[in-house]
Amino acid sequence: MTAAADGDRTALDPLFAALWPPVAGYARRFLADAALAEDVAQDALVKLFARLDQYDRERDALTWALTFATWECRTARRRLARRAETPESSDEAPA
């Protein structure tokens, strides 16, 4: 994460490869919808990569990535609830 945040473009592919499995898995557990979870995980990582310059090197990279995923999951859940596609449930993250 540090190398990518410092502008090393060769670090982007390994960073994505490292972050995708835990972020996508987290989104699947949070949303219980595999297709939606994949979209949400992708949105979260796109936002993370757009803000790499803001990464605090003193913090854990995976925690930062899961923070993006949590916000995207909550947004997706609210969007579904507004459309009455699913009953609104707690915004609590999965255990």
N, C-alpha and C. Protein backbone atom coordinates (compact mmCIF):
# COMPACT_ATOMS: atom_id res chain seq x y z
N MET A 1 0.84 -1.19 0.00
CA MET A 1 0.00 0.00 0.00
C MET A 1 0.89 1.25 0.00
N THR A 2 1.93 1.22 0.77
CA THR A 2 2.81 2.38 0.86
C THR A 2 3.44 2.71 -0.49
N ALA A 3 3.90 1.68 -1.18
CA ALA A 3 4.52 1.92 -2.49
C ALA A 3 3.50 2.49 -3.47
N ALA A 4 2.30 1.94 -3.48
CA ALA A 4 1.26 2.46 -4.37
C ALA A 4 0.90 3.89 -4.00
N ALA A 5 0.84 4.17 -2.71
CA ALA A 5 0.52 5.53 -2.25
C ALA A 5 1.63 6.51 -2.63
N ASP A 6 2.85 6.01 -2.74
CA ASP A 6 3.97 6.85 -3.14
C ASP A 6 4.08 7.01 -4.66
N GLY A 7 3.13 6.42 -5.39
CA GLY A 7 3.10 6.59 -6.83
C GLY A 7 3.72 5.47 -7.65
N ASP A 8 4.11 4.39 -7.01
CA ASP A 8 4.70 3.25 -7.73
C ASP A 8 3.59 2.47 -8.43
N ARG A 9 3.47 2.67 -9.73
CA ARG A 9 2.38 2.04 -10.49
C ARG A 9 2.55 0.52 -10.56
N THR A 10 3.77 0.01 -10.41
CA THR A 10 3.97 -1.44 -10.44
C THR A 10 3.40 -2.10 -9.19
N ALA A 11 3.11 -1.34 -8.16
CA ALA A 11 2.56 -1.89 -6.92
C ALA A 11 1.04 -2.04 -6.98
N LEU A 12 0.40 -1.48 -7.99
CA LEU A 12 -1.06 -1.51 -8.06
C LEU A 12 -1.63 -2.92 -8.26
N ASP A 13 -1.06 -3.68 -9.18
CA ASP A 13 -1.58 -5.03 -9.43
C ASP A 13 -1.43 -5.93 -8.20
N PRO A 14 -0.26 -5.98 -7.57
CA PRO A 14 -0.15 -6.80 -6.36
C PRO A 14 -1.06 -6.31 -5.24
N LEU A 15 -1.23 -5.00 -5.15
CA LEU A 15 -2.12 -4.45 -4.11
C LEU A 15 -3.55 -4.90 -4.36
N PHE A 16 -4.01 -4.80 -5.60
CA PHE A 16 -5.36 -5.25 -5.92
C PHE A 16 -5.51 -6.74 -5.63
N ALA A 17 -4.52 -7.53 -6.03
CA ALA A 17 -4.57 -8.98 -5.80
C ALA A 17 -4.64 -9.31 -4.31
N ALA A 18 -3.99 -8.52 -3.50
CA ALA A 18 -4.00 -8.75 -2.05
C ALA A 18 -5.30 -8.29 -1.40
N LEU A 19 -5.87 -7.20 -1.89
CA LEU A 19 -7.06 -6.63 -1.26
C LEU A 19 -8.37 -7.24 -1.75
N TRP A 20 -8.42 -7.69 -3.00
CA TRP A 20 -9.69 -8.16 -3.55
C TRP A 20 -10.32 -9.30 -2.74
N PRO A 21 -9.62 -10.38 -2.43
CA PRO A 21 -10.28 -11.48 -1.71
C PRO A 21 -10.90 -11.06 -0.36
N PRO A 22 -10.17 -10.35 0.51
CA PRO A 22 -10.81 -10.00 1.78
C PRO A 22 -11.93 -8.97 1.63
N VAL A 23 -11.79 -8.01 0.72
CA VAL A 23 -12.82 -6.99 0.54
C VAL A 23 -14.07 -7.62 -0.07
N ALA A 24 -13.92 -8.45 -1.08
CA ALA A 24 -15.07 -9.11 -1.71
C ALA A 24 -15.75 -10.07 -0.72
N GLY A 25 -14.98 -10.80 0.04
CA GLY A 25 -15.55 -11.71 1.04
C GLY A 25 -16.32 -10.96 2.12
N TYR A 26 -15.77 -9.87 2.56
CA TYR A 26 -16.44 -9.03 3.55
C TYR A 26 -17.76 -8.52 3.01
N ALA A 27 -17.76 -8.04 1.77
CA ALA A 27 -18.98 -7.52 1.15
C ALA A 27 -20.02 -8.63 1.00
N ARG A 28 -19.59 -9.84 0.64
CA ARG A 28 -20.53 -10.97 0.53
C ARG A 28 -21.18 -11.28 1.87
N ARG A 29 -20.41 -11.27 2.92
CA ARG A 29 -20.97 -11.54 4.26
C ARG A 29 -21.89 -10.41 4.70
N PHE A 30 -21.53 -9.20 4.38
CA PHE A 30 -22.32 -8.03 4.80
C PHE A 30 -23.65 -8.00 4.07
N LEU A 31 -23.64 -8.29 2.77
CA LEU A 31 -24.83 -8.11 1.94
C LEU A 31 -25.60 -9.40 1.64
N ALA A 32 -24.97 -10.53 1.76
CA ALA A 32 -25.60 -11.83 1.48
C ALA A 32 -26.15 -11.90 0.05
N ASP A 33 -25.52 -11.22 -0.88
CA ASP A 33 -25.89 -11.24 -2.29
C ASP A 33 -24.58 -11.16 -3.07
N ALA A 34 -24.19 -12.27 -3.66
CA ALA A 34 -22.87 -12.36 -4.29
C ALA A 34 -22.67 -11.34 -5.42
N ALA A 35 -23.67 -11.18 -6.26
CA ALA A 35 -23.52 -10.25 -7.39
C ALA A 35 -23.40 -8.81 -6.91
N LEU A 36 -24.27 -8.43 -5.98
CA LEU A 36 -24.21 -7.08 -5.43
C LEU A 36 -22.90 -6.87 -4.69
N ALA A 37 -22.46 -7.87 -3.97
CA ALA A 37 -21.22 -7.77 -3.21
C ALA A 37 -20.02 -7.53 -4.12
N GLU A 38 -19.99 -8.20 -5.26
CA GLU A 38 -18.89 -7.99 -6.21
C GLU A 38 -18.88 -6.54 -6.70
N ASP A 39 -20.05 -6.01 -7.02
CA ASP A 39 -20.15 -4.62 -7.48
C ASP A 39 -19.69 -3.66 -6.39
N VAL A 40 -20.15 -3.91 -5.17
CA VAL A 40 -19.81 -3.05 -4.05
C VAL A 40 -18.31 -3.11 -3.75
N ALA A 41 -17.75 -4.31 -3.78
CA ALA A 41 -16.31 -4.46 -3.53
C ALA A 41 -15.51 -3.72 -4.60
N GLN A 42 -15.95 -3.82 -5.84
CA GLN A 42 -15.28 -3.10 -6.91
C GLN A 42 -15.36 -1.59 -6.69
N ASP A 43 -16.55 -1.10 -6.34
CA ASP A 43 -16.71 0.34 -6.07
C ASP A 43 -15.80 0.79 -4.93
N ALA A 44 -15.73 -0.03 -3.88
CA ALA A 44 -14.89 0.32 -2.74
C ALA A 44 -13.42 0.42 -3.14
N LEU A 45 -12.95 -0.53 -3.92
CA LEU A 45 -11.54 -0.50 -4.32
C LEU A 45 -11.25 0.62 -5.32
N VAL A 46 -12.20 0.93 -6.16
CA VAL A 46 -12.01 2.07 -7.08
C VAL A 46 -11.83 3.34 -6.26
N LYS A 47 -12.68 3.52 -5.25
CA LYS A 47 -12.57 4.72 -4.40
C LYS A 47 -11.26 4.72 -3.62
N LEU A 48 -10.87 3.56 -3.12
CA LEU A 48 -9.61 3.47 -2.39
C LEU A 48 -8.44 3.85 -3.29
N PHE A 49 -8.40 3.29 -4.50
CA PHE A 49 -7.30 3.57 -5.41
C PHE A 49 -7.29 5.04 -5.82
N ALA A 50 -8.45 5.66 -5.89
CA ALA A 50 -8.51 7.09 -6.23
C ALA A 50 -7.98 7.96 -5.10
N ARG A 51 -7.93 7.42 -3.89
CA ARG A 51 -7.48 8.19 -2.73
C ARG A 51 -6.18 7.66 -2.13
N LEU A 52 -5.42 6.95 -2.91
CA LEU A 52 -4.16 6.39 -2.39
C LEU A 52 -3.25 7.45 -1.80
N ASP A 53 -3.30 8.65 -2.34
CA ASP A 53 -2.43 9.70 -1.83
C ASP A 53 -2.80 10.12 -0.41
N GLN A 54 -3.99 9.74 0.05
CA GLN A 54 -4.44 10.08 1.40
C GLN A 54 -4.16 8.97 2.41
N TYR A 55 -3.55 7.89 1.97
CA TYR A 55 -3.30 6.76 2.86
C TYR A 55 -2.34 7.15 3.99
N ASP A 56 -2.75 6.87 5.21
CA ASP A 56 -1.93 7.13 6.39
C ASP A 56 -1.04 5.91 6.62
N ARG A 57 0.23 6.07 6.38
CA ARG A 57 1.17 4.95 6.44
C ARG A 57 1.32 4.35 7.83
N GLU A 58 0.81 5.02 8.83
CA GLU A 58 0.85 4.50 10.20
C GLU A 58 -0.28 3.52 10.47
N ARG A 59 -1.24 3.43 9.57
CA ARG A 59 -2.42 2.59 9.77
C ARG A 59 -2.35 1.33 8.92
N ASP A 60 -3.14 0.34 9.31
CA ASP A 60 -3.20 -0.93 8.62
C ASP A 60 -3.94 -0.76 7.28
N ALA A 61 -3.36 -1.26 6.21
CA ALA A 61 -3.93 -1.12 4.87
C ALA A 61 -5.25 -1.87 4.73
N LEU A 62 -5.35 -3.07 5.27
CA LEU A 62 -6.58 -3.84 5.15
C LEU A 62 -7.73 -3.17 5.90
N THR A 63 -7.44 -2.63 7.05
CA THR A 63 -8.47 -1.92 7.81
C THR A 63 -8.98 -0.74 7.01
N TRP A 64 -8.09 -0.04 6.37
CA TRP A 64 -8.48 1.11 5.54
C TRP A 64 -9.37 0.64 4.38
N ALA A 65 -8.99 -0.45 3.74
CA ALA A 65 -9.78 -0.99 2.63
C ALA A 65 -11.16 -1.44 3.10
N LEU A 66 -11.22 -2.08 4.26
CA LEU A 66 -12.52 -2.54 4.77
C LEU A 66 -13.40 -1.37 5.21
N THR A 67 -12.80 -0.26 5.55
CA THR A 67 -13.58 0.94 5.85
C THR A 67 -14.32 1.41 4.60
N PHE A 68 -13.62 1.43 3.48
CA PHE A 68 -14.28 1.77 2.22
C PHE A 68 -15.38 0.78 1.91
N ALA A 69 -15.11 -0.50 2.11
CA ALA A 69 -16.10 -1.53 1.83
C ALA A 69 -17.34 -1.37 2.71
N THR A 70 -17.13 -1.04 3.97
CA THR A 70 -18.26 -0.86 4.88
C THR A 70 -19.17 0.26 4.40
N TRP A 71 -18.57 1.39 4.04
CA TRP A 71 -19.38 2.51 3.56
C TRP A 71 -20.14 2.14 2.30
N GLU A 72 -19.50 1.45 1.39
CA GLU A 72 -20.17 1.05 0.15
C GLU A 72 -21.28 0.03 0.42
N CYS A 73 -21.05 -0.88 1.35
CA CYS A 73 -22.08 -1.87 1.70
C CYS A 73 -23.28 -1.19 2.33
N ARG A 74 -23.04 -0.27 3.23
CA ARG A 74 -24.15 0.46 3.86
C ARG A 74 -24.93 1.26 2.83
N THR A 75 -24.22 1.89 1.91
CA THR A 75 -24.88 2.66 0.86
C THR A 75 -25.75 1.74 0.00
N ALA A 76 -25.22 0.59 -0.37
CA ALA A 76 -25.98 -0.36 -1.19
C ALA A 76 -27.22 -0.85 -0.43
N ARG A 77 -27.07 -1.13 0.84
CA ARG A 77 -28.20 -1.59 1.65
C ARG A 77 -29.29 -0.53 1.75
N ARG A 78 -28.88 0.70 1.96
CA ARG A 78 -29.86 1.80 2.03
C ARG A 78 -30.57 2.00 0.69
N ARG A 79 -29.81 1.89 -0.38
CA ARG A 79 -30.39 2.05 -1.72
C ARG A 79 -31.46 0.97 -1.96
N LEU A 80 -31.15 -0.25 -1.58
CA LEU A 80 -32.11 -1.34 -1.73
C LEU A 80 -33.35 -1.11 -0.87
N ALA A 81 -33.13 -0.65 0.35
CA ALA A 81 -34.26 -0.41 1.25
C ALA A 81 -35.16 0.70 0.72
N ARG A 82 -34.58 1.74 0.16
CA ARG A 82 -35.37 2.83 -0.41
C ARG A 82 -36.22 2.35 -1.57
N ARG A 83 -35.71 1.40 -2.31
CA ARG A 83 -36.47 0.85 -3.44
C ARG A 83 -37.41 -0.26 -2.99
N ALA A 84 -37.41 -0.54 -1.71
CA ALA A 84 -38.25 -1.59 -1.13
C ALA A 84 -37.94 -2.95 -1.74
N GLU A 85 -36.69 -3.17 -2.09
CA GLU A 85 -36.30 -4.46 -2.64
C GLU A 85 -36.00 -5.47 -1.54
N THR A 86 -35.71 -4.94 -0.37
CA THR A 86 -35.43 -5.80 0.77
C THR A 86 -35.75 -5.02 2.03
N PRO A 87 -36.19 -5.68 3.08
CA PRO A 87 -36.44 -4.94 4.31
C PRO A 87 -35.16 -4.31 4.85
N GLU A 88 -35.28 -3.10 5.36
CA GLU A 88 -34.10 -2.44 5.91
C GLU A 88 -33.69 -3.17 7.17
N SER A 89 -32.41 -3.46 7.24
CA SER A 89 -31.88 -4.14 8.40
C SER A 89 -30.80 -3.28 9.02
N SER A 90 -30.20 -3.77 10.05
CA SER A 90 -29.17 -3.04 10.77
C SER A 90 -27.98 -2.74 9.87
N ASP A 91 -27.34 -1.61 10.11
CA ASP A 91 -26.14 -1.25 9.38
C ASP A 91 -24.89 -1.80 10.06
N GLU A 92 -25.08 -2.73 10.94
CA GLU A 92 -23.94 -3.29 11.64
C GLU A 92 -23.11 -4.15 10.69
N ALA A 93 -21.82 -4.06 10.82
CA ALA A 93 -20.92 -4.87 10.02
C ALA A 93 -21.01 -6.32 10.49
N PRO A 94 -20.69 -7.27 9.61
CA PRO A 94 -20.72 -8.66 10.02
C PRO A 94 -19.64 -8.95 11.05
N ALA A 95 -19.85 -9.94 11.85
CA ALA A 95 -18.89 -10.31 12.88
C ALA A 95 -17.66 -10.91 12.27
